[in-house]
Amino acid sequence: MVLSCLLLGYADLVTTDEILHLGLGELNPFMQLAQAWFGVWWLVPKLGLTFVVMWLLWRSNNVYNIALVVAFCSTPVLNNLLLIAGTN
């Protein structure tokens, strides 16, 4: 399940990048700030946050909580896919 968190983080990164190429903006204020500060390197804090979440999940012993966090990590990807589909 921890690996699926990495895959979802990567999917979020790819879909967010596609949304930015379509001319839409980032809705997360923290990622907006990262994009303003780091420019094209905004990917680094986004992936860094994914690795922090993975590390915390790795240390957890509660499978239910891990599954809940992984499910929560899927929501931005689903939202991004809906936004991309709505623009086409």
PDB file of N, CA and C in Angstrom:
ATOM      1  N   MET A   1       0.821  -1.199   0.000  1.00  0.00           N
ATOM      2  CA  MET A   1       0.000   0.000   0.000  1.00  0.00           C
ATOM      3  C   MET A   1       0.862   1.259   0.000  1.00  0.00           C
ATOM      4  N   VAL A   2       2.019   1.179   0.619  1.00  0.00           N
ATOM      5  CA  VAL A   2       2.896   2.350   0.653  1.00  0.00           C
ATOM      6  C   VAL A   2       3.382   2.671  -0.751  1.00  0.00           C
ATOM      7  N   LEU A   3       3.651   1.651  -1.546  1.00  0.00           N
ATOM      8  CA  LEU A   3       4.076   1.883  -2.928  1.00  0.00           C
ATOM      9  C   LEU A   3       2.977   2.522  -3.761  1.00  0.00           C
ATOM     10  N   SER A   4       1.729   2.174  -3.478  1.00  0.00           N
ATOM     11  CA  SER A   4       0.624   2.800  -4.203  1.00  0.00           C
ATOM     12  C   SER A   4       0.553   4.295  -3.887  1.00  0.00           C
ATOM     13  N   CYS A   5       1.009   4.688  -2.720  1.00  0.00           N
ATOM     14  CA  CYS A   5       1.074   6.118  -2.384  1.00  0.00           C
ATOM     15  C   CYS A   5       2.071   6.815  -3.303  1.00  0.00           C
ATOM     16  N   LEU A   6       3.195   6.163  -3.596  1.00  0.00           N
ATOM     17  CA  LEU A   6       4.171   6.734  -4.529  1.00  0.00           C
ATOM     18  C   LEU A   6       3.585   6.833  -5.931  1.00  0.00           C
ATOM     19  N   LEU A   7       2.887   5.801  -6.364  1.00  0.00           N
ATOM     20  CA  LEU A   7       2.270   5.825  -7.692  1.00  0.00           C
ATOM     21  C   LEU A   7       1.214   6.914  -7.790  1.00  0.00           C
ATOM     22  N   LEU A   8       0.437   7.087  -6.736  1.00  0.00           N
ATOM     23  CA  LEU A   8      -0.568   8.152  -6.740  1.00  0.00           C
ATOM     24  C   LEU A   8       0.083   9.535  -6.717  1.00  0.00           C
ATOM     25  N   GLY A   9       1.187   9.669  -6.007  1.00  0.00           N
ATOM     26  CA  GLY A   9       1.918  10.930  -6.005  1.00  0.00           C
ATOM     27  C   GLY A   9       2.454  11.266  -7.384  1.00  0.00           C
ATOM     28  N   TYR A  10       2.965  10.253  -8.070  1.00  0.00           N
ATOM     29  CA  TYR A  10       3.452  10.460  -9.432  1.00  0.00           C
ATOM     30  C   TYR A  10       2.298  10.798 -10.373  1.00  0.00           C
ATOM     31  N   ALA A  11       1.170  10.095 -10.219  1.00  0.00           N
ATOM     32  CA  ALA A  11      -0.001  10.381 -11.055  1.00  0.00           C
ATOM     33  C   ALA A  11      -0.510  11.797 -10.803  1.00  0.00           C
ATOM     34  N   ASP A  12      -0.472  12.232  -9.562  1.00  0.00           N
ATOM     35  CA  ASP A  12      -0.876  13.603  -9.236  1.00  0.00           C
ATOM     36  C   ASP A  12       0.067  14.591  -9.898  1.00  0.00           C
ATOM     37  N   LEU A  13       1.348  14.300  -9.873  1.00  0.00           N
ATOM     38  CA  LEU A  13       2.333  15.164 -10.500  1.00  0.00           C
ATOM     39  C   LEU A  13       2.096  15.285 -12.002  1.00  0.00           C
ATOM     40  N   VAL A  14       1.871  14.166 -12.660  1.00  0.00           N
ATOM     41  CA  VAL A  14       1.666  14.159 -14.116  1.00  0.00           C
ATOM     42  C   VAL A  14       0.368  14.869 -14.488  1.00  0.00           C
ATOM     43  N   THR A  15      -0.705  14.568 -13.764  1.00  0.00           N
ATOM     44  CA  THR A  15      -1.982  15.199 -14.100  1.00  0.00           C
ATOM     45  C   THR A  15      -1.980  16.691 -13.775  1.00  0.00           C
ATOM     46  N   THR A  16      -1.309  17.089 -12.709  1.00  0.00           N
ATOM     47  CA  THR A  16      -1.198  18.517 -12.392  1.00  0.00           C
ATOM     48  C   THR A  16      -0.408  19.233 -13.477  1.00  0.00           C
ATOM     49  N   ASP A  17       0.663  18.617 -13.931  1.00  0.00           N
ATOM     50  CA  ASP A  17       1.454  19.212 -15.001  1.00  0.00           C
ATOM     51  C   ASP A  17       0.621  19.367 -16.276  1.00  0.00           C
ATOM     52  N   GLU A  18      -0.202  18.377 -16.574  1.00  0.00           N
ATOM     53  CA  GLU A  18      -1.077  18.462 -17.754  1.00  0.00           C
ATOM     54  C   GLU A  18      -2.097  19.594 -17.594  1.00  0.00           C
ATOM     55  N   ILE A  19      -2.638  19.746 -16.399  1.00  0.00           N
ATOM     56  CA  ILE A  19      -3.594  20.829 -16.130  1.00  0.00           C
ATOM     57  C   ILE A  19      -2.923  22.185 -16.327  1.00  0.00           C
ATOM     58  N   LEU A  20      -1.681  22.308 -15.875  1.00  0.00           N
ATOM     59  CA  LEU A  20      -0.959  23.571 -16.049  1.00  0.00           C
ATOM     60  C   LEU A  20      -0.691  23.845 -17.527  1.00  0.00           C
ATOM     61  N   HIS A  21      -0.413  22.798 -18.299  1.00  0.00           N
ATOM     62  CA  HIS A  21      -0.201  22.982 -19.740  1.00  0.00           C
ATOM     63  C   HIS A  21      -1.490  23.370 -20.455  1.00  0.00           C
ATOM     64  N   LEU A  22      -2.627  22.980 -19.911  1.00  0.00           N
ATOM     65  CA  LEU A  22      -3.917  23.341 -20.503  1.00  0.00           C
ATOM     66  C   LEU A  22      -4.314  24.780 -20.168  1.00  0.00           C
ATOM     67  N   GLY A  23      -3.535  25.427 -19.315  1.00  0.00           N
ATOM     68  CA  GLY A  23      -3.820  26.816 -18.971  1.00  0.00           C
ATOM     69  C   GLY A  23      -4.613  26.993 -17.693  1.00  0.00           C
ATOM     70  N   LEU A  24      -4.928  25.904 -17.030  1.00  0.00           N
ATOM     71  CA  LEU A  24      -5.624  25.994 -15.747  1.00  0.00           C
ATOM     72  C   LEU A  24      -4.595  26.183 -14.643  1.00  0.00           C
ATOM     73  N   GLY A  25      -5.038  26.432 -13.440  1.00  0.00           N
ATOM     74  CA  GLY A  25      -4.118  26.686 -12.334  1.00  0.00           C
ATOM     75  C   GLY A  25      -4.214  25.646 -11.239  1.00  0.00           C
ATOM     76  N   GLU A  26      -3.275  25.711 -10.346  1.00  0.00           N
ATOM     77  CA  GLU A  26      -3.237  24.839  -9.173  1.00  0.00           C
ATOM     78  C   GLU A  26      -4.212  25.375  -8.133  1.00  0.00           C
ATOM     79  N   LEU A  27      -5.016  24.506  -7.550  1.00  0.00           N
ATOM     80  CA  LEU A  27      -5.986  24.926  -6.539  1.00  0.00           C
ATOM     81  C   LEU A  27      -5.414  24.899  -5.123  1.00  0.00           C
ATOM     82  N   ASN A  28      -4.417  24.044  -4.881  1.00  0.00           N
ATOM     83  CA  ASN A  28      -3.818  23.931  -3.561  1.00  0.00           C
ATOM     84  C   ASN A  28      -2.942  25.162  -3.310  1.00  0.00           C
ATOM     85  N   PRO A  29      -3.260  25.953  -2.266  1.00  0.00           N
ATOM     86  CA  PRO A  29      -2.483  27.171  -2.029  1.00  0.00           C
ATOM     87  C   PRO A  29      -1.012  26.904  -1.707  1.00  0.00           C
ATOM     88  N   PHE A  30      -0.703  25.764  -1.083  1.00  0.00           N
ATOM     89  CA  PHE A  30       0.691  25.450  -0.778  1.00  0.00           C
ATOM     90  C   PHE A  30       1.465  25.157  -2.060  1.00  0.00           C
ATOM     91  N   MET A  31       0.845  24.459  -2.980  1.00  0.00           N
ATOM     92  CA  MET A  31       1.508  24.166  -4.251  1.00  0.00           C
ATOM     93  C   MET A  31       1.571  25.413  -5.136  1.00  0.00           C
ATOM     94  N   GLN A  32       0.592  26.322  -5.009  1.00  0.00           N
ATOM     95  CA  GLN A  32       0.670  27.609  -5.716  1.00  0.00           C
ATOM     96  C   GLN A  32       1.898  28.381  -5.240  1.00  0.00           C
ATOM     97  N   LEU A  33       2.115  28.358  -3.931  1.00  0.00           N
ATOM     98  CA  LEU A  33       3.276  29.027  -3.362  1.00  0.00           C
ATOM     99  C   LEU A  33       4.567  28.369  -3.831  1.00  0.00           C
ATOM    100  N   ALA A  34       4.589  27.040  -3.863  1.00  0.00           N
ATOM    101  CA  ALA A  34       5.771  26.320  -4.345  1.00  0.00           C
ATOM    102  C   ALA A  34       6.040  26.641  -5.809  1.00  0.00           C
ATOM    103  N   GLN A  35       4.983  26.753  -6.607  1.00  0.00           N
ATOM    104  CA  GLN A  35       5.157  27.091  -8.016  1.00  0.00           C
ATOM    105  C   GLN A  35       5.686  28.517  -8.170  1.00  0.00           C
ATOM    106  N   ALA A  36       5.230  29.421  -7.310  1.00  0.00           N
ATOM    107  CA  ALA A  36       5.702  30.807  -7.380  1.00  0.00           C
ATOM    108  C   ALA A  36       7.164  30.903  -6.943  1.00  0.00           C
ATOM    109  N   TRP A  37       7.539  30.159  -5.912  1.00  0.00           N
ATOM    110  CA  TRP A  37       8.903  30.231  -5.391  1.00  0.00           C
ATOM    111  C   TRP A  37       9.899  29.463  -6.250  1.00  0.00           C
ATOM    112  N   PHE A  38       9.525  28.242  -6.665  1.00  0.00           N
ATOM    113  CA  PHE A  38      10.486  27.353  -7.316  1.00  0.00           C
ATOM    114  C   PHE A  38      10.378  27.338  -8.838  1.00  0.00           C
ATOM    115  N   GLY A  39       9.339  27.932  -9.401  1.00  0.00           N
ATOM    116  CA  GLY A  39       9.178  27.926 -10.854  1.00  0.00           C
ATOM    117  C   GLY A  39       8.974  26.506 -11.369  1.00  0.00           C
ATOM    118  N   VAL A  40       9.783  26.128 -12.358  1.00  0.00           N
ATOM    119  CA  VAL A  40       9.622  24.788 -12.941  1.00  0.00           C
ATOM    120  C   VAL A  40      10.051  23.688 -11.980  1.00  0.00           C
ATOM    121  N   TRP A  41      10.748  24.040 -10.915  1.00  0.00           N
ATOM    122  CA  TRP A  41      11.189  23.039  -9.923  1.00  0.00           C
ATOM    123  C   TRP A  41      10.154  22.796  -8.830  1.00  0.00           C
ATOM    124  N   TRP A  42       8.904  23.195  -9.056  1.00  0.00           N
ATOM    125  CA  TRP A  42       7.848  22.955  -8.078  1.00  0.00           C
ATOM    126  C   TRP A  42       7.624  21.458  -7.865  1.00  0.00           C
ATOM    127  N   LEU A  43       8.133  20.648  -8.777  1.00  0.00           N
ATOM    128  CA  LEU A  43       7.997  19.200  -8.656  1.00  0.00           C
ATOM    129  C   LEU A  43       8.717  18.667  -7.419  1.00  0.00           C
ATOM    130  N   VAL A  44       9.806  19.318  -7.038  1.00  0.00           N
ATOM    131  CA  VAL A  44      10.610  18.834  -5.923  1.00  0.00           C
ATOM    132  C   VAL A  44       9.820  18.835  -4.608  1.00  0.00           C
ATOM    133  N   PRO A  45       9.187  19.955  -4.207  1.00  0.00           N
ATOM    134  CA  PRO A  45       8.422  19.890  -2.957  1.00  0.00           C
ATOM    135  C   PRO A  45       7.215  18.957  -3.055  1.00  0.00           C
ATOM    136  N   LYS A  46       6.621  18.845  -4.237  1.00  0.00           N
ATOM    137  CA  LYS A  46       5.469  17.956  -4.379  1.00  0.00           C
ATOM    138  C   LYS A  46       5.893  16.502  -4.174  1.00  0.00           C
ATOM    139  N   LEU A  47       6.981  16.091  -4.807  1.00  0.00           N
ATOM    140  CA  LEU A  47       7.480  14.730  -4.598  1.00  0.00           C
ATOM    141  C   LEU A  47       8.048  14.555  -3.197  1.00  0.00           C
ATOM    142  N   GLY A  48       8.649  15.612  -2.657  1.00  0.00           N
ATOM    143  CA  GLY A  48       9.154  15.541  -1.285  1.00  0.00           C
ATOM    144  C   GLY A  48       8.046  15.265  -0.286  1.00  0.00           C
ATOM    145  N   LEU A  49       6.916  15.910  -0.478  1.00  0.00           N
ATOM    146  CA  LEU A  49       5.773  15.663   0.397  1.00  0.00           C
ATOM    147  C   LEU A  49       5.269  14.226   0.248  1.00  0.00           C
ATOM    148  N   THR A  50       5.303  13.706  -0.974  1.00  0.00           N
ATOM    149  CA  THR A  50       4.907  12.318  -1.205  1.00  0.00           C
ATOM    150  C   THR A  50       5.820  11.367  -0.442  1.00  0.00           C
ATOM    151  N   PHE A  51       7.123  11.640  -0.458  1.00  0.00           N
ATOM    152  CA  PHE A  51       8.061  10.773   0.254  1.00  0.00           C
ATOM    153  C   PHE A  51       7.909  10.878   1.764  1.00  0.00           C
ATOM    154  N   VAL A  52       7.563  12.054   2.263  1.00  0.00           N
ATOM    155  CA  VAL A  52       7.301  12.204   3.702  1.00  0.00           C
ATOM    156  C   VAL A  52       6.082  11.381   4.102  1.00  0.00           C
ATOM    157  N   VAL A  53       5.023  11.449   3.300  1.00  0.00           N
ATOM    158  CA  VAL A  53       3.817  10.657   3.588  1.00  0.00           C
ATOM    159  C   VAL A  53       4.144   9.171   3.536  1.00  0.00           C
ATOM    160  N   MET A  54       4.945   8.765   2.548  1.00  0.00           N
ATOM    161  CA  MET A  54       5.335   7.358   2.457  1.00  0.00           C
ATOM    162  C   MET A  54       6.126   6.910   3.687  1.00  0.00           C
ATOM    163  N   TRP A  55       7.028   7.753   4.148  1.00  0.00           N
ATOM    164  CA  TRP A  55       7.825   7.412   5.329  1.00  0.00           C
ATOM    165  C   TRP A  55       6.935   7.268   6.561  1.00  0.00           C
ATOM    166  N   LEU A  56       5.983   8.185   6.706  1.00  0.00           N
ATOM    167  CA  LEU A  56       5.062   8.093   7.848  1.00  0.00           C
ATOM    168  C   LEU A  56       4.194   6.836   7.762  1.00  0.00           C
ATOM    169  N   LEU A  57       3.740   6.502   6.556  1.00  0.00           N
ATOM    170  CA  LEU A  57       2.943   5.293   6.390  1.00  0.00           C
ATOM    171  C   LEU A  57       3.771   4.048   6.677  1.00  0.00           C
ATOM    172  N   TRP A  58       5.031   4.056   6.280  1.00  0.00           N
ATOM    173  CA  TRP A  58       5.915   2.918   6.510  1.00  0.00           C
ATOM    174  C   TRP A  58       6.075   2.653   8.004  1.00  0.00           C
ATOM    175  N   ARG A  59       6.059   3.712   8.802  1.00  0.00           N
ATOM    176  CA  ARG A  59       6.235   3.573  10.243  1.00  0.00           C
ATOM    177  C   ARG A  59       4.948   3.166  10.961  1.00  0.00           C
ATOM    178  N   SER A  60       3.831   3.260  10.281  1.00  0.00           N
ATOM    179  CA  SER A  60       2.545   2.941  10.892  1.00  0.00           C
ATOM    180  C   SER A  60       2.323   1.431  10.922  1.00  0.00           C
ATOM    181  N   ASN A  61       1.644   0.975  11.954  1.00  0.00           N
ATOM    182  CA  ASN A  61       1.300  -0.437  12.074  1.00  0.00           C
ATOM    183  C   ASN A  61      -0.181  -0.694  11.820  1.00  0.00           C
ATOM    184  N   ASN A  62      -0.948   0.356  11.641  1.00  0.00           N
ATOM    185  CA  ASN A  62      -2.386   0.235  11.474  1.00  0.00           C
ATOM    186  C   ASN A  62      -2.730   0.221   9.982  1.00  0.00           C
ATOM    187  N   VAL A  63      -3.101  -0.933   9.476  1.00  0.00           N
ATOM    188  CA  VAL A  63      -3.395  -1.094   8.054  1.00  0.00           C
ATOM    189  C   VAL A  63      -4.605  -0.260   7.644  1.00  0.00           C
ATOM    190  N   TYR A  64      -5.578  -0.138   8.530  1.00  0.00           N
ATOM    191  CA  TYR A  64      -6.769   0.662   8.232  1.00  0.00           C
ATOM    192  C   TYR A  64      -6.390   2.116   7.983  1.00  0.00           C
ATOM    193  N   ASN A  65      -5.535   2.674   8.831  1.00  0.00           N
ATOM    194  CA  ASN A  65      -5.121   4.068   8.652  1.00  0.00           C
ATOM    195  C   ASN A  65      -4.298   4.247   7.386  1.00  0.00           C
ATOM    196  N   ILE A  66      -3.455   3.275   7.065  1.00  0.00           N
ATOM    197  CA  ILE A  66      -2.668   3.344   5.834  1.00  0.00           C
ATOM    198  C   ILE A  66      -3.606   3.359   4.628  1.00  0.00           C
ATOM    199  N   ALA A  67      -4.594   2.470   4.635  1.00  0.00           N
ATOM    200  CA  ALA A  67      -5.547   2.407   3.523  1.00  0.00           C
ATOM    201  C   ALA A  67      -6.340   3.703   3.414  1.00  0.00           C
ATOM    202  N   LEU A  68      -6.687   4.296   4.529  1.00  0.00           N
ATOM    203  CA  LEU A  68      -7.425   5.551   4.528  1.00  0.00           C
ATOM    204  C   LEU A  68      -6.589   6.685   3.927  1.00  0.00           C
ATOM    205  N   VAL A  69      -5.325   6.754   4.282  1.00  0.00           N
ATOM    206  CA  VAL A  69      -4.448   7.795   3.741  1.00  0.00           C
ATOM    207  C   VAL A  69      -4.222   7.586   2.248  1.00  0.00           C
ATOM    208  N   VAL A  70      -4.029   6.335   1.829  1.00  0.00           N
ATOM    209  CA  VAL A  70      -3.836   6.055   0.404  1.00  0.00           C
ATOM    210  C   VAL A  70      -5.099   6.427  -0.378  1.00  0.00           C
ATOM    211  N   ALA A  71      -6.261   6.134   0.166  1.00  0.00           N
ATOM    212  CA  ALA A  71      -7.509   6.524  -0.488  1.00  0.00           C
ATOM    213  C   ALA A  71      -7.617   8.039  -0.570  1.00  0.00           C
ATOM    214  N   PHE A  72      -7.206   8.727   0.478  1.00  0.00           N
ATOM    215  CA  PHE A  72      -7.217  10.187   0.468  1.00  0.00           C
ATOM    216  C   PHE A  72      -6.256  10.737  -0.586  1.00  0.00           C
ATOM    217  N   CYS A  73      -5.109  10.068  -0.783  1.00  0.00           N
ATOM    218  CA  CYS A  73      -4.133  10.509  -1.787  1.00  0.00           C
ATOM    219  C   CYS A  73      -4.656  10.332  -3.213  1.00  0.00           C
ATOM    220  N   SER A  74      -5.667   9.509  -3.380  1.00  0.00           N
ATOM    221  CA  SER A  74      -6.206   9.295  -4.725  1.00  0.00           C
ATOM    222  C   SER A  74      -7.168  10.410  -5.141  1.00  0.00           C
ATOM    223  N   THR A  75      -7.693  11.174  -4.197  1.00  0.00           N
ATOM    224  CA  THR A  75      -8.689  12.185  -4.538  1.00  0.00           C
ATOM    225  C   THR A  75      -8.148  13.302  -5.442  1.00  0.00           C
ATOM    226  N   PRO A  76      -6.916  13.815  -5.236  1.00  0.00           N
ATOM    227  CA  PRO A  76      -6.437  14.839  -6.182  1.00  0.00           C
ATOM    228  C   PRO A  76      -6.261  14.290  -7.593  1.00  0.00           C
ATOM    229  N   VAL A  77      -5.851  13.039  -7.705  1.00  0.00           N
ATOM    230  CA  VAL A  77      -5.669  12.441  -9.022  1.00  0.00           C
ATOM    231  C   VAL A  77      -7.018  12.333  -9.733  1.00  0.00           C
ATOM    232  N   LEU A  78      -8.026  11.865  -9.016  1.00  0.00           N
ATOM    233  CA  LEU A  78      -9.358  11.759  -9.612  1.00  0.00           C
ATOM    234  C   LEU A  78      -9.898  13.132 -10.006  1.00  0.00           C
ATOM    235  N   ASN A  79      -9.705  14.115  -9.160  1.00  0.00           N
ATOM    236  CA  ASN A  79     -10.144  15.471  -9.464  1.00  0.00           C
ATOM    237  C   ASN A  79      -9.422  16.009 -10.698  1.00  0.00           C
ATOM    238  N   ASN A  80      -8.111  15.777 -10.771  1.00  0.00           N
ATOM    239  CA  ASN A  80      -7.349  16.241 -11.937  1.00  0.00           C
ATOM    240  C   ASN A  80      -7.824  15.563 -13.215  1.00  0.00           C
ATOM    241  N   LEU A  81      -8.097  14.274 -13.146  1.00  0.00           N
ATOM    242  CA  LEU A  81      -8.580  13.565 -14.328  1.00  0.00           C
ATOM    243  C   LEU A  81      -9.929  14.112 -14.786  1.00  0.00           C
ATOM    244  N   LEU A  82     -10.802  14.437 -13.836  1.00  0.00           N
ATOM    245  CA  LEU A  82     -12.091  15.036 -14.203  1.00  0.00           C
ATOM    246  C   LEU A  82     -11.907  16.405 -14.849  1.00  0.00           C
ATOM    247  N   LEU A  83     -10.978  17.192 -14.323  1.00  0.00           N
ATOM    248  CA  LEU A  83     -10.714  18.507 -14.919  1.00  0.00           C
ATOM    249  C   LEU A  83     -10.152  18.365 -16.336  1.00  0.00           C
ATOM    250  N   ILE A  84      -9.247  17.428 -16.522  1.00  0.00           N
ATOM    251  CA  ILE A  84      -8.661  17.218 -17.852  1.00  0.00           C
ATOM    252  C   ILE A  84      -9.730  16.745 -18.821  1.00  0.00           C
ATOM    253  N   ALA A  85     -10.573  15.816 -18.379  1.00  0.00           N
ATOM    254  CA  ALA A  85     -11.640  15.311 -19.244  1.00  0.00           C
ATOM    255  C   ALA A  85     -12.641  16.414 -19.575  1.00  0.00           C
ATOM    256  N   GLY A  86     -12.879  17.341 -18.663  1.00  0.00           N
ATOM    257  CA  GLY A  86     -13.827  18.424 -18.902  1.00  0.00           C
ATOM    258  C   GLY A  86     -13.322  19.454 -19.898  1.00  0.00           C
ATOM    259  N   THR A  87     -12.014  19.556 -20.066  1.00  0.00           N
ATOM    260  CA  THR A  87     -11.478  20.525 -21.012  1.00  0.00           C
ATOM    261  C   THR A  87     -11.423  19.983 -22.431  1.00  0.00           C
ATOM    262  N   ASN A  88     -11.511  18.678 -22.582  1.00  0.00           N
ATOM    263  CA  ASN A  88     -11.426  18.082 -23.931  1.00  0.00           C
ATOM    264  C   ASN A  88     -12.766  17.943 -24.562  1.00  0.00           C
TER     265      ASN A  88
END
